[in-house]
Protein backbone atom coordinates (compact mmCIF):
# COMPACT_ATOMS: atom_id res chain seq x y z
CA MET A 1 -42.99 -23.84 6.45
CA SER A 2 -41.64 -20.41 7.21
CA SER A 3 -37.95 -19.94 8.04
CA ASN A 4 -37.00 -18.38 11.30
CA LYS A 5 -33.67 -17.16 10.01
CA PRO A 6 -33.35 -13.37 10.18
CA VAL A 7 -33.08 -11.52 6.97
CA LYS A 8 -29.44 -10.64 6.19
CA SER A 9 -28.89 -6.65 5.96
CA PRO A 10 -27.75 -5.51 2.42
CA VAL A 11 -24.21 -4.68 1.53
CA ILE A 12 -23.40 -1.90 -0.69
CA ILE A 13 -20.35 -2.30 -3.09
CA ASP A 14 -18.76 0.87 -4.34
CA LEU A 15 -15.40 0.10 -5.68
CA LYS A 16 -13.40 2.03 -8.42
CA PHE A 17 -11.69 -1.21 -9.48
CA GLN A 18 -11.53 -2.78 -12.74
CA ARG A 19 -15.20 -3.53 -13.58
CA GLU A 20 -14.79 -7.20 -14.69
CA SER A 21 -12.96 -8.26 -11.67
CA VAL A 22 -15.79 -6.96 -9.42
CA VAL A 23 -18.48 -8.57 -11.51
CA LYS A 24 -16.80 -11.92 -11.57
CA ALA A 25 -16.09 -11.73 -7.77
CA LEU A 26 -19.66 -10.96 -6.84
CA ARG A 27 -20.86 -14.05 -8.49
CA ASN A 28 -19.87 -16.13 -5.60
CA ALA A 29 -19.79 -13.55 -2.92
CA PHE A 30 -22.09 -12.72 0.09
CA ALA A 31 -24.42 -15.74 -0.18
CA GLY A 32 -27.85 -15.15 1.06
CA ARG A 33 -27.32 -11.46 1.31
CA GLU A 34 -28.58 -8.74 -1.11
CA VAL A 35 -25.87 -6.86 -2.73
CA ILE A 36 -26.39 -3.20 -4.06
CA ASP A 37 -23.63 -2.68 -6.68
CA MET A 38 -23.37 1.05 -7.24
CA ALA A 39 -21.79 0.59 -10.49
CA ASP A 40 -24.99 -0.96 -11.83
CA PRO A 41 -26.99 1.89 -13.30
CA ALA A 42 -30.12 0.29 -11.98
CA ASN A 43 -29.02 1.28 -8.44
CA ALA A 44 -28.37 4.85 -9.13
CA ASP A 45 -31.65 6.11 -7.43
CA ARG A 46 -31.69 3.07 -5.11
CA ASP A 47 -32.98 3.69 -1.47
CA LEU A 48 -29.78 2.66 0.58
CA GLY A 49 -31.30 3.17 3.88
CA THR A 50 -31.52 -0.52 4.66
CA ALA A 51 -27.84 -1.34 3.93
CA ALA A 52 -25.86 -2.04 7.04
CA TYR A 53 -22.39 -2.45 5.35
CA ALA A 54 -20.50 -0.86 2.69
CA VAL A 55 -17.40 -1.99 0.73
CA VAL A 56 -15.86 1.16 -0.72
CA TRP A 57 -12.67 2.29 -2.73
CA LYS A 58 -13.03 6.05 -3.77
CA PRO A 59 -16.79 5.99 -3.53
CA ASP A 60 -19.32 8.41 -4.63
CA PRO A 61 -19.10 11.33 -2.25
CA ALA A 62 -22.95 11.23 -1.71
CA LEU A 63 -22.92 7.57 -0.44
CA PHE A 64 -22.80 8.16 3.22
CA GLU A 65 -25.54 10.61 3.04
CA LYS A 66 -27.76 8.21 1.26
CA ALA A 67 -26.88 5.16 3.41
CA LYS A 68 -27.94 6.31 6.83
CA GLY A 69 -28.32 2.80 8.20
CA LEU A 70 -24.69 1.67 8.07
CA LYS A 71 -23.09 -0.20 10.78
CA ALA A 72 -19.44 -0.60 9.36
CA ILE A 73 -17.37 0.59 6.38
CA PHE A 74 -14.96 -1.68 4.82
CA SER A 75 -11.93 -0.36 2.70
CA GLY A 76 -11.28 -2.04 -0.48
CA GLY A 77 -7.57 -1.94 0.18
CA ALA A 78 -5.04 -1.75 3.15
CA GLY A 79 -5.01 2.00 2.90
CA VAL A 80 -7.92 4.21 4.20
CA ASP A 81 -6.66 7.70 3.44
CA HIS A 82 -9.00 7.61 0.52
CA ILE A 83 -11.92 7.58 3.02
CA LEU A 84 -10.61 9.41 6.01
CA THR A 85 -9.32 12.63 3.95
CA THR A 86 -11.97 12.84 1.45
CA TYR A 87 -15.34 12.43 2.99
CA GLU A 88 -17.47 13.56 5.82
CA LEU A 89 -18.04 10.19 7.55
CA PRO A 90 -20.51 8.87 10.20
CA ASP A 91 -19.24 7.70 13.42
CA LEU A 92 -18.74 4.05 12.51
CA PRO A 93 -15.86 1.55 12.42
CA ILE A 94 -13.85 1.45 9.48
CA VAL A 95 -12.09 -1.88 8.58
CA ARG A 96 -8.87 -2.04 6.69
CA PHE A 97 -8.24 -5.14 4.14
CA VAL A 98 -5.82 -7.38 5.64
CA ASP A 99 -5.20 -10.56 3.97
CA ARG A 100 -2.58 -12.94 2.99
CA SER A 101 -2.72 -12.60 -0.85
CA LEU A 102 -2.47 -8.67 -0.37
CA THR A 103 0.46 -9.19 2.00
CA ASP A 104 2.34 -11.45 -0.11
CA ARG A 105 1.92 -9.40 -3.35
CA MET A 106 3.46 -6.26 -1.42
CA SER A 107 6.50 -8.29 -0.20
CA GLU A 108 7.01 -9.83 -3.57
CA TRP A 109 7.15 -6.32 -5.02
CA VAL A 110 9.59 -5.15 -2.29
CA VAL A 111 12.00 -8.09 -2.65
CA LEU A 112 11.82 -7.92 -6.51
CA GLN A 113 12.82 -4.20 -6.39
CA CYS A 114 15.58 -4.67 -3.87
CA LEU A 115 16.96 -7.55 -5.73
CA SER A 116 16.63 -5.54 -9.03
CA HIS A 117 18.91 -2.59 -7.56
CA LEU A 118 21.25 -5.09 -5.89
CA ARG A 119 21.87 -6.96 -9.27
CA GLN A 120 21.92 -3.62 -11.28
CA THR A 121 19.14 -4.72 -13.56
CA LEU A 122 18.47 -1.37 -14.97
CA THR A 123 22.01 -1.06 -16.11
CA TYR A 124 21.96 -4.51 -17.84
CA ALA A 125 18.49 -3.78 -19.36
CA HIS A 126 20.26 -0.73 -21.00
CA GLN A 127 23.13 -2.73 -22.08
CA GLN A 128 20.88 -5.25 -23.66
CA ARG A 129 18.87 -2.62 -25.65
CA ASP A 130 22.32 -1.30 -26.86
CA HIS A 131 23.64 -4.83 -27.67
CA ILE A 132 26.48 -4.51 -25.13
CA TRP A 133 28.01 -7.43 -23.61
CA HIS A 134 29.70 -6.28 -20.40
CA GLU A 135 29.76 -7.86 -16.84
CA LEU A 136 29.54 -5.01 -14.35
CA PRO A 137 32.48 -5.31 -11.87
CA GLY A 138 32.26 -5.44 -8.08
CA GLN A 139 28.70 -7.13 -7.67
CA PRO A 140 27.76 -6.86 -3.89
CA GLU A 141 25.70 -9.51 -2.23
CA ALA A 142 22.56 -8.89 -0.35
CA CYS A 143 24.57 -9.27 3.04
CA ASP A 144 26.45 -6.22 2.02
CA VAL A 145 23.37 -4.03 1.91
CA THR A 146 21.07 -2.73 4.48
CA VAL A 147 17.41 -2.20 3.70
CA GLY A 148 15.47 0.21 5.86
CA VAL A 149 11.63 -0.33 6.05
CA MET A 150 9.56 2.61 6.95
CA GLY A 151 6.21 1.41 8.25
CA LEU A 152 6.08 -1.74 10.25
CA GLY A 153 2.47 -2.77 10.02
CA VAL A 154 1.30 -6.08 8.61
CA LEU A 155 2.86 -5.40 5.12
CA GLY A 156 6.09 -3.83 6.60
CA GLN A 157 6.63 -6.79 8.93
CA ASP A 158 6.05 -9.31 6.21
CA SER A 159 8.55 -7.44 3.87
CA VAL A 160 11.16 -7.31 6.62
CA ALA A 161 10.84 -11.06 7.15
CA LYS A 162 11.11 -11.99 3.43
CA LEU A 163 14.16 -9.47 2.83
CA LYS A 164 15.95 -11.32 5.68
CA VAL A 165 15.38 -14.65 4.02
CA MET A 166 17.19 -13.23 0.84
CA GLY A 167 20.12 -12.30 2.97
CA PHE A 168 19.69 -8.38 3.27
CA ASN A 169 20.63 -6.63 6.44
CA VAL A 170 17.31 -5.20 7.46
CA VAL A 171 16.38 -2.40 9.87
CA GLY A 172 12.82 -0.89 10.53
CA TRP A 173 11.26 2.29 11.50
CA SER A 174 7.83 3.32 12.92
CA ARG A 175 6.43 6.31 14.74
CA ARG A 176 5.76 4.30 17.75
CA PRO A 177 8.17 1.64 19.22
CA LYS A 178 8.03 -1.91 17.94
CA GLN A 179 9.79 -5.06 18.61
CA ILE A 180 10.63 -7.48 15.83
CA ALA A 181 12.61 -10.51 16.65
CA GLY A 182 16.04 -10.34 15.07
CA VAL A 183 15.58 -6.77 13.66
CA GLU A 184 16.88 -3.56 15.14
CA THR A 185 14.09 -1.02 15.07
CA TYR A 186 13.80 2.73 15.52
CA ASP A 187 10.92 4.93 16.57
CA ALA A 188 10.23 8.72 15.83
CA HIS A 189 13.23 9.85 18.05
CA GLY A 190 15.70 7.63 16.02
CA LEU A 191 14.77 8.52 12.46
CA ASP A 192 18.10 10.12 11.71
CA ALA A 193 20.07 7.24 13.03
CA PHE A 194 17.91 4.79 10.90
CA LEU A 195 18.32 6.75 7.70
CA GLY A 196 22.11 6.91 8.16
CA ARG A 197 22.30 3.14 8.24
CA THR A 198 19.95 2.65 5.19
CA ASP A 199 21.24 1.82 1.60
CA ILE A 200 17.72 1.13 0.28
CA LEU A 201 14.83 2.79 1.91
CA VAL A 202 11.45 1.02 1.55
CA GLY A 203 8.32 3.38 1.98
CA LEU A 204 5.33 1.60 3.31
CA LEU A 205 3.92 4.29 5.60
CA PRO A 206 0.11 4.97 5.57
CA LEU A 207 -0.79 8.56 4.46
CA THR A 208 -1.50 10.76 7.49
CA ASP A 209 -1.06 14.38 8.32
CA GLU A 210 2.40 13.35 9.94
CA THR A 211 3.52 11.38 6.83
CA ARG A 212 2.39 13.77 4.02
CA GLY A 213 5.43 14.82 2.05
CA VAL A 214 7.74 12.98 4.48
CA TYR A 215 9.98 11.65 1.70
CA ASP A 216 11.73 14.90 0.67
CA ARG A 217 15.26 16.20 -0.08
CA SER A 218 15.94 16.70 3.63
CA LEU A 219 15.17 13.04 4.18
CA PHE A 220 16.96 11.57 1.18
CA SER A 221 20.12 13.49 2.01
CA LYS A 222 20.32 11.72 5.40
CA LEU A 223 20.36 8.16 3.76
CA ASN A 224 23.84 6.25 3.85
CA ARG A 225 26.01 7.62 0.87
CA HIS A 226 28.99 5.01 1.29
CA GLY A 227 27.03 1.79 1.10
CA ALA A 228 27.82 -1.08 -1.24
CA LEU A 229 25.41 0.12 -4.03
CA GLY A 230 27.38 3.29 -4.59
CA GLY A 231 24.44 5.60 -3.47
CA PRO A 232 20.98 5.23 -1.86
CA VAL A 233 18.04 3.83 -3.32
CA PHE A 234 14.34 4.90 -2.61
CA LEU A 235 11.23 2.39 -2.91
CA ASN A 236 7.78 3.69 -2.40
CA ALA A 237 4.79 1.30 -2.52
CA GLY A 238 2.89 2.89 0.39
CA ARG A 239 1.19 6.25 -0.54
CA GLY A 240 2.07 8.73 -3.26
CA GLY A 241 1.20 11.65 -1.05
CA SER A 242 3.98 10.76 1.35
CA GLN A 243 6.54 11.75 -1.22
CA VAL A 244 7.50 15.08 -2.58
CA GLU A 245 7.95 14.24 -6.25
CA ALA A 246 9.78 17.58 -7.33
CA ASP A 247 12.33 16.55 -4.67
CA LEU A 248 12.40 12.91 -5.86
CA VAL A 249 13.09 13.93 -9.40
CA SER A 250 15.93 16.57 -8.43
CA CYS A 251 17.62 13.98 -5.98
CA LEU A 252 17.63 11.37 -8.65
CA GLU A 253 19.12 13.94 -11.30
CA ASP A 254 21.89 15.24 -8.89
CA GLY A 255 22.93 12.00 -7.20
CA THR A 256 21.43 12.49 -3.85
CA LEU A 257 19.67 9.28 -4.80
CA LYS A 258 21.18 6.67 -6.95
CA ALA A 259 17.86 5.03 -8.17
CA ALA A 260 14.34 4.45 -7.23
CA SER A 261 11.42 2.24 -7.73
CA VAL A 262 7.91 3.79 -7.56
CA ASP A 263 4.50 2.41 -7.46
CA VAL A 264 2.50 5.45 -6.07
CA PHE A 265 2.35 9.04 -7.08
CA GLU A 266 1.04 12.41 -5.91
CA GLN A 267 -1.40 12.29 -8.69
CA GLU A 268 -2.59 9.01 -10.37
CA PRO A 269 -2.40 8.18 -13.15
CA LEU A 270 1.06 9.60 -13.36
CA ALA A 271 1.02 12.41 -15.88
CA PRO A 272 2.55 11.60 -19.39
CA GLU A 273 4.69 14.76 -19.09
CA SER A 274 6.21 13.62 -15.74
CA ARG A 275 9.95 13.53 -15.96
CA LEU A 276 9.93 10.18 -13.93
CA TRP A 277 8.93 8.30 -16.97
CA ASP A 278 12.20 8.82 -18.89
CA MET A 279 14.67 8.64 -16.04
CA HIS A 280 17.26 5.93 -16.68
CA ASN A 281 17.48 5.05 -12.77
CA VAL A 282 13.70 4.68 -12.18
CA ILE A 283 11.34 1.72 -12.06
CA ILE A 284 7.89 2.71 -12.42
CA THR A 285 4.73 0.44 -11.70
CA PRO A 286 1.14 1.60 -11.88
CA HIS A 287 0.05 1.31 -8.33
CA ALA A 288 0.23 -2.46 -8.94
CA ALA A 289 2.60 -3.58 -6.03
CA ALA A 290 -0.47 -5.09 -4.00
CA SER A 291 -3.57 -4.73 -5.94
CA SER A 292 -6.62 -6.14 -4.02
CA GLU A 293 -7.75 -9.46 -5.16
CA VAL A 294 -11.43 -8.82 -5.28
CA SER A 295 -12.61 -12.35 -4.37
CA ALA A 296 -10.24 -12.19 -1.52
CA LEU A 297 -11.63 -8.94 -0.31
CA PHE A 298 -15.22 -10.10 -0.44
CA ARG A 299 -14.24 -13.27 1.76
CA HIS A 300 -12.54 -10.93 4.13
CA VAL A 301 -15.71 -8.69 4.30
CA ASP A 302 -18.06 -11.62 4.52
CA SER A 303 -16.00 -13.16 7.45
CA GLN A 304 -15.92 -9.78 9.23
CA ILE A 305 -19.75 -9.32 8.89
CA ALA A 306 -20.25 -12.75 10.35
CA ARG A 307 -18.24 -11.86 13.39
CA PHE A 308 -19.87 -8.68 13.82
CA GLU A 309 -23.51 -10.24 13.52
CA ASP A 310 -22.38 -13.01 16.12
CA GLY A 311 -21.53 -10.27 18.68
CA LEU A 312 -17.81 -10.41 18.20
CA PRO A 313 -15.41 -7.45 17.70
CA LEU A 314 -14.44 -6.52 14.13
CA GLN A 315 -10.74 -6.96 13.33
CA ASN A 316 -8.31 -4.43 11.80
CA VAL A 317 -10.66 -1.41 12.80
CA VAL A 318 -8.91 1.93 11.89
CA ASP A 319 -7.82 4.42 14.73
CA ARG A 320 -9.07 7.63 13.32
CA LEU A 321 -6.77 9.67 15.46
CA THR A 322 -3.60 7.94 13.96
CA GLY A 323 -5.14 7.43 10.49
CA TYR A 324 -4.43 3.58 10.32
């Protein structure tokens, strides 16, 4: 007896992730649907015209020329600048990856770094290396420190909530006005006032024309210089293109910034000769703050495709005018 079920459109996978994680996740993903894995050499010359969906992170530039039948593009991460700024794209919906696991990972990184700078972890690590037993005087509490979060999307709002649980004073900034219960927020017109209150600045902005290079000497110089930490601290886990690294280095050297934790960079991997590697007041992580869990990504895409094929609207679709 023949089945009346419609044939599911193929999905293209073009993810520049660790290969092993993609292969493992694909074993149990997209049941009943053909998967065209572009990392498989057998698919190099494959006709992609029948594929309706593509899951991408830094894909082959020719992909969108070959895949003329696409109906939706799914980003492999929360950010979409890697797609919007690099490719000539068809007029299709682009969907961001929004998932509990990714959100939790980002908030964990933000809270960890704020606590590390609050509790003077860098200094204690240097003392351990030099076999020095010395309790640092005047240890402030979280309630003595104001954390300012720039970027109040899903990741930013979750970080705000978890920082408050830890006892930090928290303020937030976004280009457009946003209301968050129990948190004072600022919009584009209130940037200077926001910065003036901030002891630890957390950068979680998407990369757009407006945010490119926004973290520069001018901005750093407006942070609170009289807080409990003895100087402002900068954290960036948003996008590397939002920071001017030459300014970041010079501000860390001359005391405009007391310290920094940086997960994203203008060029990645960070060049071995970068001065940031050897700075005593910097914590570096290799774009690992909120790495996409590939199985969760594929579950997210599968659920969105199911919605789409049932006639429901896709969720977390990017506004191409704002870039997020």
